[in-house]
Amino acid sequence: MNKARDLLQVATSVLDPSPLRSAVSYIRVSTARQADRGGARDGFSIPAQRDANQRQAYGLGALVAAEFVDRGQSGRNTNRPGLQQMLAYLREHQVDYVIVHKLDRLARSRADDVAITQAIHASGARLVSSTEGIDSSVNGVLLHGIMASIAEFYSRNLRHEVMKGMRQKVLQGGTPNRAPIGYLNVRVQTDDGREYRTVRVDAERAPHIIWAFEAYATGEWSVARLADALGERGLRTRPTPSHSPAIPTTANVHKVLKNPYYKGIVTLNGAQHDGLHEPLVPATTWDAVQRILASRRNGERSRVHTHYLKSTVYCFACERRLLVHNARSKSGRIYRYLVCSGRQGTPRCGQRALHIPDVERRVEDVYVSLEISPARRELLERMHLHRSEADAPARAQALSALQGQHEALERRQTKLIELYYADGIARDVLVREQRTLAQALSRITAEQARSEDDVLHSRRVSVTLDLLEGAHARYTAAAPHQRKQVNNALLSRILIGPASDELHVELLPEITEILAIDSASKGFM
C-alpha cells in the first residue's frame, strides 16, 4: 500500500509542475524490549511510527527519502546512532521536512530539543510532528515550546517515579534490576491469577558461583585462574538479545566476588538493604573473600608452584611463610625446595632452602605425636560432653548477648537508611557508616558461629577426634589434597628449619582445647 501511495505521488508530480518535496523520517523506541515485542525485530511501536510518518509525508506532498531508527535508545541524550546519522544526512542532502511521530521521540530535554531543532533549521529543513500541530507559524512555534517542555517534565517525573518505585522495592527486600549471574529474573503467577516478578536461584550457574567463592576464600587462587577454571567447568554468561552466552572474563569474576548480592544484600545508589532472595554464600565466606581481595589491591600473581604444605609450614628462623622453588640441575633434573619468603625481605633471612621430600617426611612424623589411642579418644569425648553440659548456661547467655548486639546494629542500619532517604545525610556518609556497621556485624556473626549450640559443638569435637585417632596412618595414606585439608583442620602452623631440632608445631586453638586434659579428667578414669 505504501508503494502504491508513493507511485501516486510520483504520478501527481508529473501532472503538477511543482517539484516533489523530500522528507526524512526519524523513529525511536526507548527500550530493546519495545523493539522486540511481538517476536519481530521492530516490535509493534516502530511500524506504527513509520506508518504515521509516511502518512504525514503524503499529506505534505513529499516522499520519504531516508529513514533513521534508534532501537532501545533513551531520549535523554543526543548520543544516538540513528539521530547522529540523520543530522549528518541533513548536512549532505537537500531535505524539506524532518518528520517525527511526536517531539519526545526527538528529545526529552528542552536544551537538546533546541539544539536539534536549530541543526534541522540550519540545513534548510522544517521539523514536523505527525501527531502534533507543529509548524512555522506563531502558534506552531508556541506549541512546539510547550510540547518540548512537557516532554522534559514527563522525563524527569518518570525518572523520579521509577526511582521511588525501585526504592520501595528494595526496602521490601526485592531486586530492582537484572539479577546477577547465578540468579534468574522470573514471573510468578499467584492462585488468584495475579502476576509478579521475583528472583530465584539459577540451578545451572549457581553451583559454579558457590564454588568460585569457596575456592577463592582459600587464598590459593588468583582471579584470573579462577576465571579460567570456571570456563573449564562450563560456566557461561546468560544470553541476551544482543549477546550470546560467553565464558566469564577476569573482570566479570572480580565483579562477582565483590558483589554483596551473593550474601543476601541488595544495593541501590550505595545504600544496602537485606534482600528476600536466597543467598548463595554465607556472610563469613563473603567477608573472607573481601579480605583476600583487599590484601591483593596492588595486584595478584598466579601461584604457578603449588604444594599442599604451602599454607602450613613457616620459617623457623624468622617465622615468615615458606615458598615453593624449583631448581633445575645441569642435567635438566628438577629439585623442589621450600625457601623463606624473607630471603628478599628486610631484615633478610639467612635460613637455607629445605628439600621438599625431607619436609614432607618431618611433617608426617608430627602426626605420630598427635595420634591418640581409642581409649584416650573415648576419655576426651566423654570429658568434653560433660564440659559442654556444664557450660551450656554460660554459652546460652553469651549467645543471647551477641544476638542483642546483632539486633541493635540492624536497627542502626535501618535508621541510617531512613535518615538517608529523608535527606538527613549525604550518600558518602551513608556508605561510610554502612561499611562500619557491616564490619561490626561480620565480627559478631563470626563470634556467634564460634558459640554454636551443643549439638554442633559435640559434632565438631567428634570429627576432630576422628582425625586424631590413628592420625599418622590416615595422613600418610591420604592424597596431597586430603593432607592439605587435614593440616588446615588441625594445625595453625609448623615452624621448621634445616636442623633436626628446629621444628615447632602450633595447633589451632580449638584443637588445643580439645586435647587439654586437666585434673577434671581424673574423674573419668
Protein backbone atom coordinates (compact mmCIF):
# COMPACT_ATOMS: atom_id res chain seq x y z
CA MET A 1 0.00 0.00 0.00
CA ASN A 2 2.90 2.35 0.79
CA LYS A 3 4.45 1.65 -2.62
CA ALA A 4 1.12 2.44 -4.30
CA ARG A 5 0.94 5.73 -2.39
CA ASP A 6 4.49 6.66 -3.50
CA LEU A 7 3.64 5.83 -7.13
CA LEU A 8 0.54 8.02 -6.83
CA GLN A 9 2.70 10.87 -5.55
CA VAL A 10 5.13 10.42 -8.46
CA ALA A 11 2.25 10.39 -10.94
CA THR A 12 0.79 13.51 -9.34
CA SER A 13 4.16 15.25 -9.60
CA VAL A 14 4.24 14.57 -13.34
CA LEU A 15 0.89 16.34 -13.74
CA ASP A 16 1.81 19.04 -11.20
CA PRO A 17 4.66 21.31 -12.37
CA SER A 18 5.76 21.99 -8.75
CA PRO A 19 8.77 19.83 -7.71
CA LEU A 20 8.24 16.81 -5.41
CA ARG A 21 9.39 17.56 -1.86
CA SER A 22 11.84 15.40 0.10
CA ALA A 23 11.49 14.21 3.71
CA VAL A 24 13.32 12.05 6.23
CA SER A 25 11.60 10.03 8.94
CA TYR A 26 13.03 9.65 12.44
CA ILE A 27 11.78 6.85 14.73
CA ARG A 28 12.82 5.95 18.28
CA VAL A 29 11.79 3.45 20.94
CA SER A 30 13.20 3.66 24.47
CA THR A 31 13.90 0.00 25.22
CA ALA A 32 15.07 -3.06 23.32
CA ARG A 33 12.03 -4.85 24.70
CA GLN A 34 9.77 -2.42 22.84
CA ALA A 35 11.68 -3.07 19.64
CA ASP A 36 11.42 -6.85 20.01
CA ARG A 37 7.84 -7.03 21.23
CA GLY A 38 5.73 -9.48 19.28
CA GLY A 39 8.75 -11.59 18.29
CA ALA A 40 9.77 -9.27 15.44
CA ARG A 41 12.86 -7.07 15.37
CA ASP A 42 10.79 -3.90 15.09
CA GLY A 43 8.05 -4.98 17.52
CA PHE A 44 4.80 -3.00 17.29
CA SER A 45 5.84 0.59 18.06
CA ILE A 46 8.33 1.08 15.21
CA PRO A 47 5.91 0.08 12.39
CA ALA A 48 3.22 2.29 13.95
CA GLN A 49 5.55 5.32 13.98
CA ARG A 50 6.74 4.53 10.44
CA ASP A 51 3.19 4.39 9.09
CA ALA A 52 2.20 7.67 10.80
CA ASN A 53 5.29 9.46 9.46
CA GLN A 54 4.67 8.20 5.92
CA ARG A 55 1.03 9.36 6.07
CA GLN A 56 2.28 12.78 7.21
CA ALA A 57 4.75 12.90 4.29
CA TYR A 58 1.94 12.05 1.89
CA GLY A 59 -0.15 14.88 3.30
CA LEU A 60 2.76 17.28 2.75
CA GLY A 61 3.25 16.10 -0.81
CA ALA A 62 6.69 14.66 -0.03
CA LEU A 63 8.50 11.36 -0.46
CA VAL A 64 10.41 9.82 2.46
CA ALA A 65 13.94 9.69 1.07
CA ALA A 66 15.53 8.14 4.16
CA GLU A 67 14.51 6.62 7.46
CA PHE A 68 16.57 6.65 10.66
CA VAL A 69 15.69 4.37 13.58
CA ASP A 70 17.04 4.21 17.14
CA ARG A 71 16.07 0.93 18.77
CA GLY A 72 16.30 0.82 22.57
CA GLN A 73 17.76 4.33 22.92
CA SER A 74 16.93 6.87 25.63
CA GLY A 75 15.80 10.34 24.59
CA ARG A 76 17.67 11.95 27.50
CA ASN A 77 20.86 12.32 25.48
CA THR A 78 21.77 13.01 21.86
CA ASN A 79 24.43 10.29 21.50
CA ARG A 80 22.12 8.08 19.48
CA PRO A 81 23.42 6.45 16.29
CA GLY A 82 20.21 6.98 14.31
CA LEU A 83 19.92 10.64 15.33
CA GLN A 84 23.56 11.40 14.51
CA GLN A 85 23.23 9.65 11.13
CA MET A 86 20.14 11.77 10.37
CA LEU A 87 21.91 15.04 11.24
CA ALA A 88 24.85 14.02 9.03
CA TYR A 89 22.41 13.19 6.21
CA LEU A 90 20.80 16.64 6.51
CA ARG A 91 24.19 18.32 6.10
CA GLU A 92 24.83 16.47 2.83
CA HIS A 93 21.35 16.35 1.20
CA GLN A 94 18.59 18.76 0.32
CA VAL A 95 15.65 17.88 2.60
CA ASP A 96 12.40 19.77 3.07
CA TYR A 97 10.94 18.02 6.11
CA VAL A 98 12.12 16.07 9.14
CA ILE A 99 9.13 14.07 10.33
CA VAL A 100 8.80 12.56 13.82
CA HIS A 101 5.84 10.81 15.38
CA LYS A 102 6.00 13.05 18.47
CA LEU A 103 8.51 15.62 19.67
CA ASP A 104 9.52 13.45 22.63
CA ARG A 105 10.86 10.90 20.10
CA LEU A 106 13.44 13.53 19.14
CA ALA A 107 14.45 14.80 22.60
CA ARG A 108 13.44 14.58 26.25
CA SER A 109 15.16 17.78 27.42
CA ARG A 110 14.42 21.36 26.39
CA ALA A 111 18.12 22.09 25.76
CA ASP A 112 18.53 19.08 23.46
CA ASP A 113 15.30 19.99 21.65
CA VAL A 114 16.61 23.49 20.94
CA ALA A 115 19.98 22.22 19.71
CA ILE A 116 18.47 19.55 17.41
CA THR A 117 15.80 21.92 16.06
CA GLN A 118 18.46 24.55 15.26
CA ALA A 119 20.53 21.94 13.42
CA ILE A 120 17.46 20.92 11.39
CA HIS A 121 16.60 24.52 10.51
CA ALA A 122 20.23 25.27 9.62
CA SER A 123 20.08 22.52 6.99
CA GLY A 124 17.04 24.22 5.40
CA ALA A 125 14.53 21.58 6.59
CA ARG A 126 11.40 22.00 8.70
CA LEU A 127 10.55 19.88 11.72
CA VAL A 128 7.11 18.27 11.54
CA SER A 129 5.28 16.08 14.04
CA SER A 130 2.82 13.57 12.63
CA THR A 131 0.58 13.76 15.72
CA GLU A 132 1.07 17.34 16.96
CA GLY A 133 0.26 20.65 15.23
CA ILE A 134 3.86 21.83 14.91
CA ASP A 135 4.66 24.22 12.04
CA SER A 136 6.46 27.51 11.37
CA SER A 137 3.51 29.70 12.37
CA VAL A 138 3.47 31.70 15.61
CA ASN A 139 1.00 29.23 17.14
CA GLY A 140 3.04 26.31 15.88
CA VAL A 141 6.26 27.65 17.42
CA LEU A 142 4.43 28.27 20.72
CA LEU A 143 3.01 24.75 20.69
CA HIS A 144 6.48 23.40 19.91
CA GLY A 145 7.91 25.07 23.01
CA ILE A 146 5.04 23.83 25.19
CA MET A 147 5.32 20.26 23.93
CA ALA A 148 9.11 20.24 24.40
CA SER A 149 8.68 21.45 28.00
CA ILE A 150 6.03 18.79 28.62
CA ALA A 151 8.39 16.11 27.25
CA GLU A 152 11.14 17.27 29.62
CA PHE A 153 8.73 17.34 32.58
CA TYR A 154 7.50 13.85 31.73
CA SER A 155 11.05 12.52 31.51
CA ARG A 156 12.11 13.99 34.85
CA ASN A 157 8.91 12.97 36.58
CA LEU A 158 9.13 9.47 35.13
CA ARG A 159 12.70 9.12 36.39
CA HIS A 160 11.58 10.30 39.84
CA GLU A 161 8.66 7.85 39.88
CA VAL A 162 10.87 4.98 38.69
CA MET A 163 13.44 5.71 41.41
CA LYS A 164 10.67 5.92 44.00
CA GLY A 165 9.33 2.55 42.89
CA MET A 166 12.81 0.99 42.93
CA ARG A 167 13.46 2.41 46.40
CA GLN A 168 10.21 0.95 47.71
CA LYS A 169 11.05 -2.39 46.15
CA VAL A 170 14.48 -2.65 47.79
CA LEU A 171 13.04 -1.54 51.14
CA GLN A 172 10.82 -4.62 50.90
CA GLY A 173 13.81 -6.80 50.01
CA GLY A 174 13.17 -7.00 46.26
CA THR A 175 15.67 -6.85 43.40
CA PRO A 176 15.12 -3.67 41.34
CA ASN A 177 17.37 -4.55 38.40
CA ARG A 178 18.52 -7.59 36.46
CA ALA A 179 19.78 -10.20 38.91
CA PRO A 180 23.48 -11.11 38.61
CA ILE A 181 24.77 -14.39 37.22
CA GLY A 182 23.70 -17.29 39.42
CA TYR A 183 20.13 -15.99 39.64
CA LEU A 184 17.19 -15.67 37.25
CA ASN A 185 14.54 -12.97 37.00
CA VAL A 186 11.21 -14.80 36.73
CA ARG A 187 7.49 -14.07 36.61
CA VAL A 188 5.33 -15.91 39.14
CA GLN A 189 1.54 -16.24 38.97
CA THR A 190 -0.47 -16.48 42.18
CA ASP A 191 -3.51 -18.69 42.66
CA ASP A 192 -5.84 -15.75 42.04
CA GLY A 193 -4.22 -15.02 38.67
CA ARG A 194 -2.03 -12.09 39.70
CA GLU A 195 1.49 -11.94 38.29
CA TYR A 196 4.60 -10.53 39.92
CA ARG A 197 8.34 -10.54 39.26
CA THR A 198 10.83 -12.16 41.58
CA VAL A 199 14.29 -13.75 41.62
CA ARG A 200 15.17 -17.41 42.01
CA VAL A 201 18.44 -19.33 42.04
CA ASP A 202 19.74 -20.42 38.63
CA ALA A 203 20.23 -24.18 39.08
CA GLU A 204 22.64 -24.30 36.13
CA ARG A 205 25.00 -21.47 37.12
CA ALA A 206 24.65 -21.09 40.91
CA PRO A 207 26.84 -24.13 41.79
CA HIS A 208 29.71 -22.58 39.81
CA ILE A 209 29.35 -19.27 41.68
CA ILE A 210 29.29 -21.04 45.06
CA TRP A 211 32.43 -22.97 44.10
CA ALA A 212 34.15 -19.75 42.99
CA PHE A 213 33.63 -18.09 46.38
CA GLU A 214 34.72 -21.17 48.32
CA ALA A 215 37.81 -21.64 46.15
CA TYR A 216 38.92 -18.02 46.32
CA ALA A 217 38.37 -17.93 50.11
CA THR A 218 41.18 -20.49 50.47
CA GLY A 219 43.68 -17.85 49.31
CA GLU A 220 45.20 -20.28 46.80
CA TRP A 221 43.62 -18.79 43.68
CA SER A 222 44.06 -15.65 41.64
CA VAL A 223 41.01 -14.13 39.96
CA ALA A 224 42.50 -14.86 36.53
CA ARG A 225 43.00 -18.56 37.34
CA LEU A 226 39.53 -18.69 38.84
CA ALA A 227 38.02 -17.28 35.63
CA ASP A 228 39.86 -19.91 33.55
CA ALA A 229 38.70 -22.69 35.88
CA LEU A 230 35.08 -21.50 35.72
CA GLY A 231 35.27 -21.58 31.92
CA GLU A 232 36.63 -25.14 32.05
CA ARG A 233 33.83 -26.14 34.46
CA GLY A 234 31.31 -24.98 31.85
CA LEU A 235 30.08 -21.68 33.29
CA ARG A 236 28.66 -19.34 30.65
CA THR A 237 27.00 -15.94 30.98
CA ARG A 238 23.26 -15.67 30.43
CA PRO A 239 22.25 -14.89 26.84
CA THR A 240 20.66 -11.54 25.99
CA PRO A 241 19.02 -10.27 22.79
CA SER A 242 22.36 -8.72 21.78
CA HIS A 243 24.89 -11.13 23.35
CA SER A 244 25.35 -14.89 23.12
CA PRO A 245 26.47 -16.94 26.16
CA ALA A 246 30.18 -16.42 26.80
CA ILE A 247 32.97 -17.58 29.11
CA PRO A 248 33.21 -15.10 32.02
CA THR A 249 36.22 -12.81 31.86
CA THR A 250 38.56 -11.98 34.74
CA ALA A 251 36.74 -8.64 35.13
CA ASN A 252 33.39 -10.49 35.26
CA VAL A 253 34.63 -12.81 38.01
CA HIS A 254 36.13 -9.94 40.01
CA LYS A 255 32.77 -8.16 39.84
CA VAL A 256 31.01 -11.31 41.08
CA LEU A 257 33.38 -11.68 44.04
CA LYS A 258 32.79 -8.04 45.05
CA ASN A 259 29.00 -8.18 44.78
CA PRO A 260 27.25 -8.34 48.21
CA TYR A 261 24.11 -9.61 46.44
CA TYR A 262 25.52 -13.14 46.82
CA LYS A 263 25.37 -12.89 50.63
CA GLY A 264 21.78 -11.58 50.53
CA ILE A 265 22.29 -7.80 50.23
CA VAL A 266 20.59 -5.56 47.64
CA THR A 267 22.34 -2.27 46.81
CA LEU A 268 20.66 0.83 45.37
CA ASN A 269 22.60 4.08 44.95
CA GLY A 270 25.16 2.95 47.50
CA ALA A 271 22.53 2.09 50.15
CA GLN A 272 22.48 -1.57 51.23
CA HIS A 273 19.30 -3.46 52.13
CA ASP A 274 18.55 -7.01 53.24
CA GLY A 275 17.19 -8.88 50.23
CA LEU A 276 14.47 -11.51 50.07
CA HIS A 277 16.45 -13.62 47.58
CA GLU A 278 18.29 -16.75 48.71
CA PRO A 279 21.99 -16.04 49.46
CA LEU A 280 24.44 -18.28 47.61
CA VAL A 281 27.29 -17.87 50.11
CA PRO A 282 27.43 -17.31 53.89
CA ALA A 283 28.39 -13.84 55.08
CA THR A 284 31.55 -15.26 56.66
CA THR A 285 32.73 -16.66 53.30
CA TRP A 286 31.93 -13.40 51.50
CA ASP A 287 33.85 -11.42 54.15
CA ALA A 288 36.85 -13.76 53.81
CA VAL A 289 36.85 -13.18 50.05
CA GLN A 290 36.77 -9.40 50.56
CA ARG A 291 39.77 -9.58 52.91
CA ILE A 292 41.77 -11.51 50.33
CA LEU A 293 40.77 -9.11 47.54
CA ALA A 294 41.78 -6.14 49.72
CA SER A 295 45.14 -7.70 50.54
CA ARG A 296 45.83 -8.01 46.80
CA ARG A 297 44.70 -4.50 45.93
CA ASN A 298 48.00 -3.73 44.21
CA GLY A 299 47.76 -6.77 42.01
CA GLU A 300 47.97 -10.52 42.40
CA ARG A 301 50.18 -13.16 40.94
CA SER A 302 49.00 -16.59 39.91
CA ARG A 303 50.65 -19.25 42.06
CA VAL A 304 52.48 -21.35 39.50
CA HIS A 305 54.41 -23.52 42.03
CA THR A 306 51.98 -25.08 44.50
CA HIS A 307 52.28 -27.67 47.25
CA TYR A 308 49.91 -28.94 49.91
CA LEU A 309 52.23 -27.70 52.69
CA LYS A 310 52.44 -24.09 51.49
CA SER A 311 49.79 -22.78 53.87
CA THR A 312 51.14 -24.82 56.81
CA VAL A 313 54.95 -24.54 57.03
CA TYR A 314 56.81 -21.37 58.09
CA CYS A 315 60.44 -20.40 58.54
CA PHE A 316 61.90 -21.47 61.93
CA ALA A 317 64.33 -18.52 61.96
CA CYS A 318 62.03 -15.57 61.14
CA GLU A 319 58.52 -17.14 61.15
CA ARG A 320 57.75 -15.94 57.64
CA ARG A 321 56.00 -18.06 55.02
CA LEU A 322 57.93 -20.68 53.03
CA LEU A 323 57.55 -20.62 49.26
CA VAL A 324 58.00 -23.36 46.66
CA HIS A 325 61.09 -23.03 44.46
CA ASN A 326 62.03 -25.32 41.57
CA ALA A 327 65.75 -25.63 40.84
CA ARG A 328 66.99 -27.22 37.62
CA SER A 329 70.33 -29.04 37.53
CA LYS A 330 72.73 -29.01 34.57
CA SER A 331 71.36 -32.38 33.53
CA GLY A 332 67.84 -30.93 33.42
CA ARG A 333 66.58 -32.62 36.55
CA ILE A 334 64.24 -30.52 38.72
CA TYR A 335 64.66 -30.35 42.50
CA ARG A 336 61.88 -28.84 44.59
CA TYR A 337 62.65 -26.72 47.65
CA LEU A 338 60.88 -24.61 50.23
CA VAL A 339 62.60 -21.25 50.67
CA CYS A 340 61.84 -18.49 53.15
CA SER A 341 59.97 -15.52 51.71
CA GLY A 342 62.20 -13.38 53.96
CA ARG A 343 65.31 -14.08 51.90
CA GLN A 344 64.45 -10.98 49.87
CA GLY A 345 62.99 -9.06 52.81
CA THR A 346 64.26 -6.64 55.41
CA PRO A 347 65.80 -7.85 57.64
CA ARG A 348 66.97 -10.56 55.30
CA CYS A 349 66.53 -14.13 56.50
CA GLY A 350 69.52 -16.46 56.21
CA GLN A 351 67.78 -19.81 56.62
CA ARG A 352 68.82 -22.13 53.80
CA ALA A 353 66.39 -23.85 51.44
CA LEU A 354 64.69 -27.06 52.58
CA HIS A 355 64.32 -30.06 50.28
CA ILE A 356 60.58 -30.71 49.96
CA PRO A 357 60.67 -34.53 50.37
CA ASP A 358 62.56 -34.06 53.67
CA VAL A 359 59.95 -31.55 54.90
CA GLU A 360 57.13 -33.91 53.92
CA ARG A 361 58.65 -36.75 56.00
CA ARG A 362 59.17 -34.48 59.02
CA VAL A 363 55.54 -33.31 58.87
CA GLU A 364 54.41 -36.96 58.66
CA ASP A 365 56.35 -37.60 61.87
CA VAL A 366 54.40 -34.74 63.53
CA TYR A 367 51.26 -36.85 63.25
CA VAL A 368 52.91 -39.64 65.28
CA SER A 369 52.96 -37.27 68.27
CA LEU A 370 49.40 -36.04 67.58
CA GLU A 371 47.92 -39.54 67.35
CA ILE A 372 45.61 -40.65 70.17
CA SER A 373 44.60 -44.16 71.20
CA PRO A 374 40.97 -45.38 71.13
CA ALA A 375 40.92 -45.30 74.94
CA ARG A 376 42.12 -41.71 75.09
CA ARG A 377 39.67 -40.76 72.38
CA GLU A 378 36.78 -42.18 74.46
CA LEU A 379 38.04 -40.31 77.53
CA LEU A 380 38.28 -36.99 75.68
CA GLU A 381 34.85 -37.38 74.13
CA ARG A 382 33.19 -38.09 77.50
CA MET A 383 35.06 -35.24 79.15
CA HIS A 384 34.00 -32.72 76.52
CA LEU A 385 30.41 -33.88 76.70
CA HIS A 386 30.48 -33.26 80.45
CA ARG A 387 32.04 -29.82 79.94
CA SER A 388 29.53 -28.95 77.24
CA GLU A 389 26.64 -29.71 79.57
CA ALA A 390 28.24 -27.67 82.38
CA ASP A 391 28.97 -24.70 80.08
CA ALA A 392 25.55 -24.67 78.39
CA PRO A 393 24.02 -21.88 80.58
CA ALA A 394 27.03 -19.58 80.12
CA ARG A 395 27.09 -20.27 76.37
CA ALA A 396 23.38 -19.52 76.07
CA GLN A 397 23.88 -16.25 77.94
CA ALA A 398 26.77 -15.29 75.65
CA LEU A 399 24.71 -16.11 72.56
CA SER A 400 21.82 -14.04 73.89
CA ALA A 401 24.15 -11.05 74.40
CA LEU A 402 25.56 -11.45 70.88
CA GLN A 403 22.06 -11.65 69.45
CA GLY A 404 21.14 -8.43 71.27
CA GLN A 405 24.18 -6.68 69.81
CA HIS A 406 23.32 -8.05 66.37
CA GLU A 407 19.75 -6.72 66.55
CA ALA A 408 20.95 -3.32 67.83
CA LEU A 409 23.29 -2.99 64.84
CA GLU A 410 20.49 -3.96 62.45
CA ARG A 411 18.25 -1.26 64.00
CA ARG A 412 21.03 1.27 63.47
CA GLN A 413 21.27 0.18 59.84
CA THR A 414 17.53 0.68 59.39
CA LYS A 415 17.61 4.14 61.00
CA LEU A 416 20.57 5.07 58.81
CA ILE A 417 18.64 4.14 55.66
CA GLU A 418 15.59 6.10 56.82
CA LEU A 419 17.75 9.14 57.55
CA TYR A 420 19.35 8.91 54.10
CA TYR A 421 16.00 8.73 52.30
CA ALA A 422 14.76 11.66 54.38
CA ASP A 423 17.75 13.67 53.02
CA GLY A 424 19.23 13.79 56.53
CA ILE A 425 22.71 12.60 55.49
CA ALA A 426 24.77 12.60 52.30
CA ARG A 427 25.36 9.45 50.26
CA ASP A 428 29.09 9.27 51.08
CA VAL A 429 28.26 9.41 54.82
CA LEU A 430 25.72 6.61 54.35
CA VAL A 431 28.23 4.39 52.52
CA ARG A 432 30.93 5.01 55.13
CA GLU A 433 28.62 4.30 58.08
CA GLN A 434 27.13 1.23 56.41
CA ARG A 435 30.64 -0.13 55.87
CA THR A 436 31.45 0.35 59.57
CA LEU A 437 28.22 -1.33 60.68
CA ALA A 438 28.76 -4.20 58.22
CA GLN A 439 32.23 -4.85 59.68
CA ALA A 440 30.79 -4.88 63.21
CA LEU A 441 28.04 -7.28 62.13
CA SER A 442 30.63 -9.50 60.49
CA ARG A 443 32.61 -9.74 63.74
CA ILE A 444 29.50 -10.56 65.77
CA THR A 445 28.38 -13.17 63.21
CA ALA A 446 31.79 -14.85 63.47
CA GLU A 447 31.52 -14.88 67.29
CA GLN A 448 28.03 -16.35 67.04
CA ALA A 449 29.37 -19.06 64.73
CA ARG A 450 32.09 -19.88 67.27
CA SER A 451 29.48 -20.12 70.03
CA GLU A 452 27.37 -22.72 68.27
CA ASP A 453 24.86 -24.90 70.07
CA ASP A 454 25.74 -28.09 71.92
CA VAL A 455 24.93 -30.45 69.05
CA LEU A 456 27.26 -28.74 66.57
CA HIS A 457 29.96 -28.34 69.22
CA SER A 458 29.83 -32.07 70.05
CA ARG A 459 29.87 -32.94 66.35
CA ARG A 460 32.97 -30.79 65.80
CA VAL A 461 34.75 -32.49 68.72
CA SER A 462 33.79 -35.90 67.33
CA VAL A 463 35.15 -35.08 63.86
CA THR A 464 38.40 -33.77 65.34
CA LEU A 465 38.86 -36.91 67.42
CA ASP A 466 38.21 -39.00 64.30
CA LEU A 467 41.18 -37.23 62.66
CA LEU A 468 43.42 -37.70 65.69
CA GLU A 469 42.66 -41.41 66.26
CA GLY A 470 45.12 -43.26 64.01
CA ALA A 471 46.27 -39.85 62.68
CA HIS A 472 49.68 -40.98 61.34
CA ALA A 473 48.32 -43.87 59.30
CA ARG A 474 45.48 -41.73 57.94
CA TYR A 475 47.81 -38.89 56.99
CA THR A 476 50.46 -40.99 55.24
CA ALA A 477 47.80 -42.83 53.22
CA ALA A 478 45.97 -39.63 52.18
CA ALA A 479 46.27 -37.92 48.79
CA PRO A 480 48.01 -34.49 48.68
CA HIS A 481 44.77 -32.51 48.62
CA GLN A 482 43.44 -34.57 51.55
CA ARG A 483 46.64 -33.92 53.50
CA LYS A 484 46.11 -30.21 52.97
CA GLN A 485 42.57 -30.47 54.36
CA VAL A 486 43.79 -32.35 57.45
CA ASN A 487 46.57 -29.80 58.05
CA ASN A 488 44.10 -26.92 57.76
CA ALA A 489 41.67 -28.67 60.14
CA LEU A 490 44.23 -29.30 62.90
CA LEU A 491 47.28 -27.07 62.55
CA SER A 492 47.76 -23.34 62.87
CA ARG A 493 51.32 -23.57 61.51
CA ILE A 494 54.58 -25.51 61.71
CA LEU A 495 57.87 -23.63 62.17
CA ILE A 496 60.59 -25.67 60.51
CA GLY A 497 64.31 -25.27 59.91
CA PRO A 498 67.16 -27.38 58.47
CA ALA A 499 68.30 -28.85 61.82
CA SER A 500 66.51 -31.87 63.25
CA ASP A 501 65.55 -29.99 66.43
CA GLU A 502 64.26 -26.95 64.53
CA LEU A 503 60.58 -27.82 64.45
CA HIS A 504 57.71 -26.28 66.41
CA VAL A 505 54.06 -27.27 65.96
CA GLU A 506 51.22 -24.83 66.72
CA LEU A 507 47.74 -26.34 66.80
CA LEU A 508 44.55 -24.41 66.17
CA PRO A 509 43.15 -23.02 69.48
CA GLU A 510 40.07 -25.25 69.36
CA ILE A 511 42.27 -28.34 68.84
CA THR A 512 44.43 -27.38 71.83
CA GLU A 513 41.25 -27.03 73.89
CA ILE A 514 40.01 -30.48 72.84
CA LEU A 515 43.34 -32.12 73.69
CA ALA A 516 43.71 -30.36 77.06
CA ILE A 517 43.23 -32.91 79.84
CA ASP A 518 43.23 -31.22 83.23
CA SER A 519 42.60 -32.57 86.70
CA ALA A 520 38.88 -32.87 85.95
CA SER A 521 39.64 -35.75 83.60
CA LYS A 522 40.75 -37.93 86.51
CA GLY A 523 37.14 -38.37 87.49
CA PHE A 524 36.56 -40.21 84.24
CA MET A 525 39.37 -42.72 84.65
